[in-house]
Amino acid sequence: IEVPLLEGDTEYLEVPAGTQPETVYRIGKRGVPRLQRRGRGDLLVHVEVRVPTELGEEAEDALRSYADIQGERPAQKKRGLFRR
């Protein structure tokens, strides 16, 4: 992914498959300048995973196919307390 830096340019960061939410990557010496010393601190990149709230039919079918290949059962929609 491209990570925007403080100076305006970008740094490329490879995020491996299977990276979990809330993982933090460190890009050395690309952070904020140190006060009263030379050099810069490290830039920390936090991984944020966004889950879609709605899926189209084609996307839902693709995810169900993927779950079948992985041998997983997709979660069923939960019924409300009063619908039991």
PDB file of N, CA and C in Angstrom:
ATOM      1  N   ILE A   1       0.847  -1.175   0.000  1.00  0.00           N
ATOM      2  CA  ILE A   1       0.000   0.000   0.000  1.00  0.00           C
ATOM      3  C   ILE A   1       0.890   1.234   0.000  1.00  0.00           C
ATOM      4  N   GLU A   2       0.322   2.349  -0.420  1.00  0.00           N
ATOM      5  CA  GLU A   2       1.031   3.620  -0.373  1.00  0.00           C
ATOM      6  C   GLU A   2       0.682   4.323   0.926  1.00  0.00           C
ATOM      7  N   VAL A   3       1.698   4.719   1.669  1.00  0.00           N
ATOM      8  CA  VAL A   3       1.497   5.425   2.933  1.00  0.00           C
ATOM      9  C   VAL A   3       1.930   6.872   2.731  1.00  0.00           C
ATOM     10  N   PRO A   4       1.019   7.839   2.923  1.00  0.00           N
ATOM     11  CA  PRO A   4       1.419   9.242   2.792  1.00  0.00           C
ATOM     12  C   PRO A   4       2.328   9.641   3.956  1.00  0.00           C
ATOM     13  N   LEU A   5       3.398  10.345   3.634  1.00  0.00           N
ATOM     14  CA  LEU A   5       4.352  10.782   4.653  1.00  0.00           C
ATOM     15  C   LEU A   5       4.124  12.248   4.994  1.00  0.00           C
ATOM     16  N   LEU A   6       4.728  12.690   6.073  1.00  0.00           N
ATOM     17  CA  LEU A   6       4.532  14.053   6.556  1.00  0.00           C
ATOM     18  C   LEU A   6       5.038  15.102   5.574  1.00  0.00           C
ATOM     19  N   GLU A   7       6.073  14.768   4.806  1.00  0.00           N
ATOM     20  CA  GLU A   7       6.650  15.725   3.858  1.00  0.00           C
ATOM     21  C   GLU A   7       5.827  15.858   2.583  1.00  0.00           C
ATOM     22  N   GLY A   8       4.844  14.974   2.398  1.00  0.00           N
ATOM     23  CA  GLY A   8       4.015  15.033   1.202  1.00  0.00           C
ATOM     24  C   GLY A   8       4.270  13.904   0.221  1.00  0.00           C
ATOM     25  N   ASP A   9       5.412  13.233   0.300  1.00  0.00           N
ATOM     26  CA  ASP A   9       5.655  12.103  -0.598  1.00  0.00           C
ATOM     27  C   ASP A   9       5.055  10.834   0.003  1.00  0.00           C
ATOM     28  N   THR A  10       5.296   9.702  -0.624  1.00  0.00           N
ATOM     29  CA  THR A  10       4.711   8.448  -0.150  1.00  0.00           C
ATOM     30  C   THR A  10       5.789   7.386   0.029  1.00  0.00           C
ATOM     31  N   GLU A  11       5.493   6.443   0.873  1.00  0.00           N
ATOM     32  CA  GLU A  11       6.358   5.283   1.117  1.00  0.00           C
ATOM     33  C   GLU A  11       5.518   4.050   0.810  1.00  0.00           C
ATOM     34  N   TYR A  12       6.111   3.063   0.170  1.00  0.00           N
ATOM     35  CA  TYR A  12       5.393   1.825  -0.116  1.00  0.00           C
ATOM     36  C   TYR A  12       5.616   0.846   1.028  1.00  0.00           C
ATOM     37  N   LEU A  13       4.529   0.244   1.489  1.00  0.00           N
ATOM     38  CA  LEU A  13       4.585  -0.709   2.587  1.00  0.00           C
ATOM     39  C   LEU A  13       3.895  -1.981   2.134  1.00  0.00           C
ATOM     40  N   GLU A  14       4.597  -3.097   2.232  1.00  0.00           N
ATOM     41  CA  GLU A  14       3.996  -4.375   1.859  1.00  0.00           C
ATOM     42  C   GLU A  14       3.275  -4.948   3.072  1.00  0.00           C
ATOM     43  N   VAL A  15       1.975  -5.178   2.908  1.00  0.00           N
ATOM     44  CA  VAL A  15       1.161  -5.753   3.973  1.00  0.00           C
ATOM     45  C   VAL A  15       0.887  -7.198   3.582  1.00  0.00           C
ATOM     46  N   PRO A  16       1.462  -8.166   4.303  1.00  0.00           N
ATOM     47  CA  PRO A  16       1.310  -9.563   3.922  1.00  0.00           C
ATOM     48  C   PRO A  16      -0.119 -10.066   4.095  1.00  0.00           C
ATOM     49  N   ALA A  17      -0.473 -11.074   3.314  1.00  0.00           N
ATOM     50  CA  ALA A  17      -1.784 -11.710   3.454  1.00  0.00           C
ATOM     51  C   ALA A  17      -1.914 -12.240   4.870  1.00  0.00           C
ATOM     52  N   GLY A  18      -3.099 -12.140   5.422  1.00  0.00           N
ATOM     53  CA  GLY A  18      -3.344 -12.633   6.768  1.00  0.00           C
ATOM     54  C   GLY A  18      -3.050 -11.621   7.860  1.00  0.00           C
ATOM     55  N   THR A  19      -2.677 -10.398   7.471  1.00  0.00           N
ATOM     56  CA  THR A  19      -2.438  -9.363   8.475  1.00  0.00           C
ATOM     57  C   THR A  19      -3.727  -9.103   9.237  1.00  0.00           C
ATOM     58  N   GLN A  20      -3.642  -9.090  10.542  1.00  0.00           N
ATOM     59  CA  GLN A  20      -4.817  -8.949  11.395  1.00  0.00           C
ATOM     60  C   GLN A  20      -5.114  -7.480  11.686  1.00  0.00           C
ATOM     61  N   PRO A  21      -6.387  -7.189  11.998  1.00  0.00           N
ATOM     62  CA  PRO A  21      -6.732  -5.818  12.388  1.00  0.00           C
ATOM     63  C   PRO A  21      -5.906  -5.386  13.600  1.00  0.00           C
ATOM     64  N   GLU A  22      -5.644  -4.108  13.684  1.00  0.00           N
ATOM     65  CA  GLU A  22      -4.904  -3.476  14.778  1.00  0.00           C
ATOM     66  C   GLU A  22      -3.415  -3.819  14.788  1.00  0.00           C
ATOM     67  N   THR A  23      -2.909  -4.428  13.699  1.00  0.00           N
ATOM     68  CA  THR A  23      -1.469  -4.637  13.562  1.00  0.00           C
ATOM     69  C   THR A  23      -0.819  -3.274  13.341  1.00  0.00           C
ATOM     70  N   VAL A  24       0.363  -3.075  13.892  1.00  0.00           N
ATOM     71  CA  VAL A  24       1.080  -1.810  13.729  1.00  0.00           C
ATOM     72  C   VAL A  24       2.404  -2.094  13.030  1.00  0.00           C
ATOM     73  N   TYR A  25       2.656  -1.368  11.937  1.00  0.00           N
ATOM     74  CA  TYR A  25       3.928  -1.451  11.224  1.00  0.00           C
ATOM     75  C   TYR A  25       4.723  -0.184  11.508  1.00  0.00           C
ATOM     76  N   ARG A  26       6.029  -0.323  11.534  1.00  0.00           N
ATOM     77  CA  ARG A  26       6.911   0.804  11.829  1.00  0.00           C
ATOM     78  C   ARG A  26       7.760   1.107  10.594  1.00  0.00           C
ATOM     79  N   ILE A  27       7.725   2.356  10.155  1.00  0.00           N
ATOM     80  CA  ILE A  27       8.603   2.817   9.078  1.00  0.00           C
ATOM     81  C   ILE A  27       9.656   3.696   9.751  1.00  0.00           C
ATOM     82  N   GLY A  28      10.864   3.194   9.790  1.00  0.00           N
ATOM     83  CA  GLY A  28      11.935   3.859  10.530  1.00  0.00           C
ATOM     84  C   GLY A  28      12.337   5.207   9.960  1.00  0.00           C
ATOM     85  N   LYS A  29      12.539   6.156  10.860  1.00  0.00           N
ATOM     86  CA  LYS A  29      13.085   7.487  10.556  1.00  0.00           C
ATOM     87  C   LYS A  29      12.269   8.266   9.531  1.00  0.00           C
ATOM     88  N   ARG A  30      10.956   8.034   9.467  1.00  0.00           N
ATOM     89  CA  ARG A  30      10.107   8.791   8.537  1.00  0.00           C
ATOM     90  C   ARG A  30       8.992   9.531   9.272  1.00  0.00           C
ATOM     91  N   GLY A  31       9.091   9.590  10.606  1.00  0.00           N
ATOM     92  CA  GLY A  31       8.073  10.252  11.414  1.00  0.00           C
ATOM     93  C   GLY A  31       8.406  11.711  11.683  1.00  0.00           C
ATOM     94  N   VAL A  32       7.967  12.194  12.819  1.00  0.00           N
ATOM     95  CA  VAL A  32       8.120  13.591  13.220  1.00  0.00           C
ATOM     96  C   VAL A  32       9.582  13.880  13.569  1.00  0.00           C
ATOM     97  N   PRO A  33      10.085  15.080  13.179  1.00  0.00           N
ATOM     98  CA  PRO A  33      11.454  15.440  13.564  1.00  0.00           C
ATOM     99  C   PRO A  33      11.597  15.485  15.087  1.00  0.00           C
ATOM    100  N   ARG A  34      12.753  15.063  15.577  1.00  0.00           N
ATOM    101  CA  ARG A  34      13.016  15.066  17.022  1.00  0.00           C
ATOM    102  C   ARG A  34      13.322  16.496  17.481  1.00  0.00           C
ATOM    103  N   LEU A  35      12.823  16.854  18.634  1.00  0.00           N
ATOM    104  CA  LEU A  35      13.086  18.179  19.189  1.00  0.00           C
ATOM    105  C   LEU A  35      14.491  18.233  19.775  1.00  0.00           C
ATOM    106  N   GLN A  36      15.214  19.276  19.456  1.00  0.00           N
ATOM    107  CA  GLN A  36      16.548  19.549  19.989  1.00  0.00           C
ATOM    108  C   GLN A  36      17.556  18.433  19.715  1.00  0.00           C
ATOM    109  N   ARG A  37      17.263  17.584  18.749  1.00  0.00           N
ATOM    110  CA  ARG A  37      18.205  16.535  18.339  1.00  0.00           C
ATOM    111  C   ARG A  37      18.082  16.359  16.836  1.00  0.00           C
ATOM    112  N   ARG A  38      19.047  15.691  16.279  1.00  0.00           N
ATOM    113  CA  ARG A  38      18.982  15.396  14.851  1.00  0.00           C
ATOM    114  C   ARG A  38      18.144  14.156  14.603  1.00  0.00           C
ATOM    115  N   GLY A  39      17.660  14.050  13.389  1.00  0.00           N
ATOM    116  CA  GLY A  39      16.944  12.848  12.988  1.00  0.00           C
ATOM    117  C   GLY A  39      15.441  12.953  13.182  1.00  0.00           C
ATOM    118  N   ARG A  40      14.794  11.873  12.848  1.00  0.00           N
ATOM    119  CA  ARG A  40      13.342  11.801  12.924  1.00  0.00           C
ATOM    120  C   ARG A  40      12.953  10.554  13.703  1.00  0.00           C
ATOM    121  N   GLY A  41      11.751  10.594  14.229  1.00  0.00           N
ATOM    122  CA  GLY A  41      11.205   9.412  14.876  1.00  0.00           C
ATOM    123  C   GLY A  41      10.669   8.445  13.831  1.00  0.00           C
ATOM    124  N   ASP A  42      10.106   7.358  14.288  1.00  0.00           N
ATOM    125  CA  ASP A  42       9.531   6.365  13.386  1.00  0.00           C
ATOM    126  C   ASP A  42       8.066   6.699  13.113  1.00  0.00           C
ATOM    127  N   LEU A  43       7.612   6.368  11.927  1.00  0.00           N
ATOM    128  CA  LEU A  43       6.208   6.534  11.562  1.00  0.00           C
ATOM    129  C   LEU A  43       5.509   5.206  11.812  1.00  0.00           C
ATOM    130  N   LEU A  44       4.442   5.232  12.600  1.00  0.00           N
ATOM    131  CA  LEU A  44       3.687   4.018  12.900  1.00  0.00           C
ATOM    132  C   LEU A  44       2.451   3.969  12.018  1.00  0.00           C
ATOM    133  N   VAL A  45       2.251   2.832  11.373  1.00  0.00           N
ATOM    134  CA  VAL A  45       1.108   2.630  10.483  1.00  0.00           C
ATOM    135  C   VAL A  45       0.202   1.586  11.124  1.00  0.00           C
ATOM    136  N   HIS A  46      -1.024   1.988  11.455  1.00  0.00           N
ATOM    137  CA  HIS A  46      -1.995   1.097  12.095  1.00  0.00           C
ATOM    138  C   HIS A  46      -2.917   0.504  11.030  1.00  0.00           C
ATOM    139  N   VAL A  47      -3.111  -0.810  11.065  1.00  0.00           N
ATOM    140  CA  VAL A  47      -3.985  -1.486  10.105  1.00  0.00           C
ATOM    141  C   VAL A  47      -5.424  -1.373  10.598  1.00  0.00           C
ATOM    142  N   GLU A  48      -6.278  -0.869   9.724  1.00  0.00           N
ATOM    143  CA  GLU A  48      -7.703  -0.741  10.032  1.00  0.00           C
ATOM    144  C   GLU A  48      -8.473  -1.560   9.004  1.00  0.00           C
ATOM    145  N   VAL A  49      -9.338  -2.435   9.475  1.00  0.00           N
ATOM    146  CA  VAL A  49     -10.132  -3.272   8.576  1.00  0.00           C
ATOM    147  C   VAL A  49     -11.557  -2.747   8.572  1.00  0.00           C
ATOM    148  N   ARG A  50     -12.055  -2.440   7.406  1.00  0.00           N
ATOM    149  CA  ARG A  50     -13.430  -1.968   7.274  1.00  0.00           C
ATOM    150  C   ARG A  50     -14.273  -3.088   6.686  1.00  0.00           C
ATOM    151  N   VAL A  51     -15.347  -3.400   7.362  1.00  0.00           N
ATOM    152  CA  VAL A  51     -16.245  -4.467   6.933  1.00  0.00           C
ATOM    153  C   VAL A  51     -17.453  -3.826   6.272  1.00  0.00           C
ATOM    154  N   PRO A  52     -17.786  -4.236   5.043  1.00  0.00           N
ATOM    155  CA  PRO A  52     -18.943  -3.636   4.377  1.00  0.00           C
ATOM    156  C   PRO A  52     -20.231  -3.967   5.119  1.00  0.00           C
ATOM    157  N   THR A  53     -21.129  -2.998   5.163  1.00  0.00           N
ATOM    158  CA  THR A  53     -22.408  -3.221   5.839  1.00  0.00           C
ATOM    159  C   THR A  53     -23.429  -3.853   4.908  1.00  0.00           C
ATOM    160  N   GLU A  54     -23.232  -3.707   3.614  1.00  0.00           N
ATOM    161  CA  GLU A  54     -24.142  -4.311   2.636  1.00  0.00           C
ATOM    162  C   GLU A  54     -23.319  -4.945   1.521  1.00  0.00           C
ATOM    163  N   LEU A  55     -23.784  -6.098   1.049  1.00  0.00           N
ATOM    164  CA  LEU A  55     -23.125  -6.776  -0.065  1.00  0.00           C
ATOM    165  C   LEU A  55     -24.128  -6.969  -1.182  1.00  0.00           C
ATOM    166  N   GLY A  56     -23.661  -6.817  -2.399  1.00  0.00           N
ATOM    167  CA  GLY A  56     -24.494  -7.152  -3.534  1.00  0.00           C
ATOM    168  C   GLY A  56     -24.601  -8.664  -3.655  1.00  0.00           C
ATOM    169  N   GLU A  57     -25.522  -9.115  -4.470  1.00  0.00           N
ATOM    170  CA  GLU A  57     -25.753 -10.558  -4.618  1.00  0.00           C
ATOM    171  C   GLU A  57     -24.506 -11.276  -5.121  1.00  0.00           C
ATOM    172  N   GLU A  58     -23.828 -10.680  -6.095  1.00  0.00           N
ATOM    173  CA  GLU A  58     -22.629 -11.302  -6.666  1.00  0.00           C
ATOM    174  C   GLU A  58     -21.508 -11.404  -5.621  1.00  0.00           C
ATOM    175  N   ALA A  59     -21.328 -10.358  -4.830  1.00  0.00           N
ATOM    176  CA  ALA A  59     -20.298 -10.373  -3.791  1.00  0.00           C
ATOM    177  C   ALA A  59     -20.634 -11.404  -2.715  1.00  0.00           C
ATOM    178  N   GLU A  60     -21.903 -11.490  -2.343  1.00  0.00           N
ATOM    179  CA  GLU A  60     -22.312 -12.466  -1.333  1.00  0.00           C
ATOM    180  C   GLU A  60     -22.091 -13.889  -1.834  1.00  0.00           C
ATOM    181  N   ASP A  61     -22.419 -14.146  -3.103  1.00  0.00           N
ATOM    182  CA  ASP A  61     -22.182 -15.470  -3.688  1.00  0.00           C
ATOM    183  C   ASP A  61     -20.689 -15.808  -3.687  1.00  0.00           C
ATOM    184  N   ALA A  62     -19.857 -14.819  -4.014  1.00  0.00           N
ATOM    185  CA  ALA A  62     -18.408 -15.044  -4.033  1.00  0.00           C
ATOM    186  C   ALA A  62     -17.892 -15.391  -2.639  1.00  0.00           C
ATOM    187  N   LEU A  63     -18.385 -14.692  -1.621  1.00  0.00           N
ATOM    188  CA  LEU A  63     -17.952 -14.988  -0.252  1.00  0.00           C
ATOM    189  C   LEU A  63     -18.426 -16.358   0.208  1.00  0.00           C
ATOM    190  N   ARG A  64     -19.638 -16.747  -0.178  1.00  0.00           N
ATOM    191  CA  ARG A  64     -20.138 -18.075   0.187  1.00  0.00           C
ATOM    192  C   ARG A  64     -19.306 -19.161  -0.505  1.00  0.00           C
ATOM    193  N   SER A  65     -18.942 -18.937  -1.766  1.00  0.00           N
ATOM    194  CA  SER A  65     -18.094 -19.896  -2.485  1.00  0.00           C
ATOM    195  C   SER A  65     -16.734 -20.018  -1.806  1.00  0.00           C
ATOM    196  N   TYR A  66     -16.176 -18.895  -1.405  1.00  0.00           N
ATOM    197  CA  TYR A  66     -14.891 -18.902  -0.706  1.00  0.00           C
ATOM    198  C   TYR A  66     -15.005 -19.675   0.610  1.00  0.00           C
ATOM    199  N   ALA A  67     -16.077 -19.459   1.351  1.00  0.00           N
ATOM    200  CA  ALA A  67     -16.283 -20.170   2.619  1.00  0.00           C
ATOM    201  C   ALA A  67     -16.385 -21.670   2.375  1.00  0.00           C
ATOM    202  N   ASP A  68     -17.067 -22.077   1.293  1.00  0.00           N
ATOM    203  CA  ASP A  68     -17.172 -23.498   0.958  1.00  0.00           C
ATOM    204  C   ASP A  68     -15.795 -24.096   0.682  1.00  0.00           C
ATOM    205  N   ILE A  69     -14.974 -23.374  -0.077  1.00  0.00           N
ATOM    206  CA  ILE A  69     -13.630 -23.848  -0.409  1.00  0.00           C
ATOM    207  C   ILE A  69     -12.795 -24.006   0.863  1.00  0.00           C
ATOM    208  N   GLN A  70     -12.942 -23.086   1.798  1.00  0.00           N
ATOM    209  CA  GLN A  70     -12.189 -23.114   3.052  1.00  0.00           C
ATOM    210  C   GLN A  70     -12.772 -24.091   4.065  1.00  0.00           C
ATOM    211  N   GLY A  71     -13.937 -24.650   3.763  1.00  0.00           N
ATOM    212  CA  GLY A  71     -14.573 -25.582   4.682  1.00  0.00           C
ATOM    213  C   GLY A  71     -15.226 -24.899   5.869  1.00  0.00           C
ATOM    214  N   GLU A  72     -15.617 -23.660   5.686  1.00  0.00           N
ATOM    215  CA  GLU A  72     -16.244 -22.896   6.760  1.00  0.00           C
ATOM    216  C   GLU A  72     -17.728 -22.733   6.486  1.00  0.00           C
ATOM    217  N   ARG A  73     -18.466 -22.633   7.559  1.00  0.00           N
ATOM    218  CA  ARG A  73     -19.893 -22.356   7.418  1.00  0.00           C
ATOM    219  C   ARG A  73     -20.118 -20.887   7.724  1.00  0.00           C
ATOM    220  N   PRO A  74     -20.690 -20.137   6.789  1.00  0.00           N
ATOM    221  CA  PRO A  74     -20.951 -18.728   7.071  1.00  0.00           C
ATOM    222  C   PRO A  74     -21.972 -18.594   8.196  1.00  0.00           C
ATOM    223  N   ALA A  75     -21.823 -17.565   8.982  1.00  0.00           N
ATOM    224  CA  ALA A  75     -22.752 -17.332  10.089  1.00  0.00           C
ATOM    225  C   ALA A  75     -24.145 -17.058   9.537  1.00  0.00           C
ATOM    226  N   GLN A  76     -25.115 -17.636  10.179  1.00  0.00           N
ATOM    227  CA  GLN A  76     -26.504 -17.400   9.796  1.00  0.00           C
ATOM    228  C   GLN A  76     -26.973 -16.109  10.444  1.00  0.00           C
ATOM    229  N   LYS A  77     -27.933 -15.466   9.803  1.00  0.00           N
ATOM    230  CA  LYS A  77     -28.486 -14.255  10.393  1.00  0.00           C
ATOM    231  C   LYS A  77     -29.174 -14.621  11.698  1.00  0.00           C
ATOM    232  N   LYS A  78     -28.890 -13.854  12.725  1.00  0.00           N
ATOM    233  CA  LYS A  78     -29.473 -14.130  14.031  1.00  0.00           C
ATOM    234  C   LYS A  78     -30.906 -13.624  14.073  1.00  0.00           C
ATOM    235  N   ARG A  79     -31.727 -14.419  14.726  1.00  0.00           N
ATOM    236  CA  ARG A  79     -33.101 -13.981  14.918  1.00  0.00           C
ATOM    237  C   ARG A  79     -33.147 -13.133  16.178  1.00  0.00           C
ATOM    238  N   GLY A  80     -34.024 -12.171  16.180  1.00  0.00           N
ATOM    239  CA  GLY A  80     -34.163 -11.310  17.341  1.00  0.00           C
ATOM    240  C   GLY A  80     -34.749 -12.062  18.527  1.00  0.00           C
ATOM    241  N   LEU A  81     -34.672 -11.477  19.679  1.00  0.00           N
ATOM    242  CA  LEU A  81     -35.153 -12.085  20.905  1.00  0.00           C
ATOM    243  C   LEU A  81     -36.633 -12.420  20.822  1.00  0.00           C
ATOM    244  N   PHE A  82     -37.410 -11.563  20.178  1.00  0.00           N
ATOM    245  CA  PHE A  82     -38.858 -11.757  20.132  1.00  0.00           C
ATOM    246  C   PHE A  82     -39.312 -12.615  18.958  1.00  0.00           C
ATOM    247  N   ARG A  83     -38.404 -13.055  18.115  1.00  0.00           N
ATOM    248  CA  ARG A  83     -38.764 -13.883  16.957  1.00  0.00           C
ATOM    249  C   ARG A  83     -38.438 -15.343  17.196  1.00  0.00           C
ATOM    250  N   ARG A  84     -38.159 -15.732  18.400  1.00  0.00           N
ATOM    251  CA  ARG A  84     -37.799 -17.120  18.710  1.00  0.00           C
ATOM    252  C   ARG A  84     -39.012 -17.949  18.955  1.00  0.00           C
TER     253      ARG A  84
END
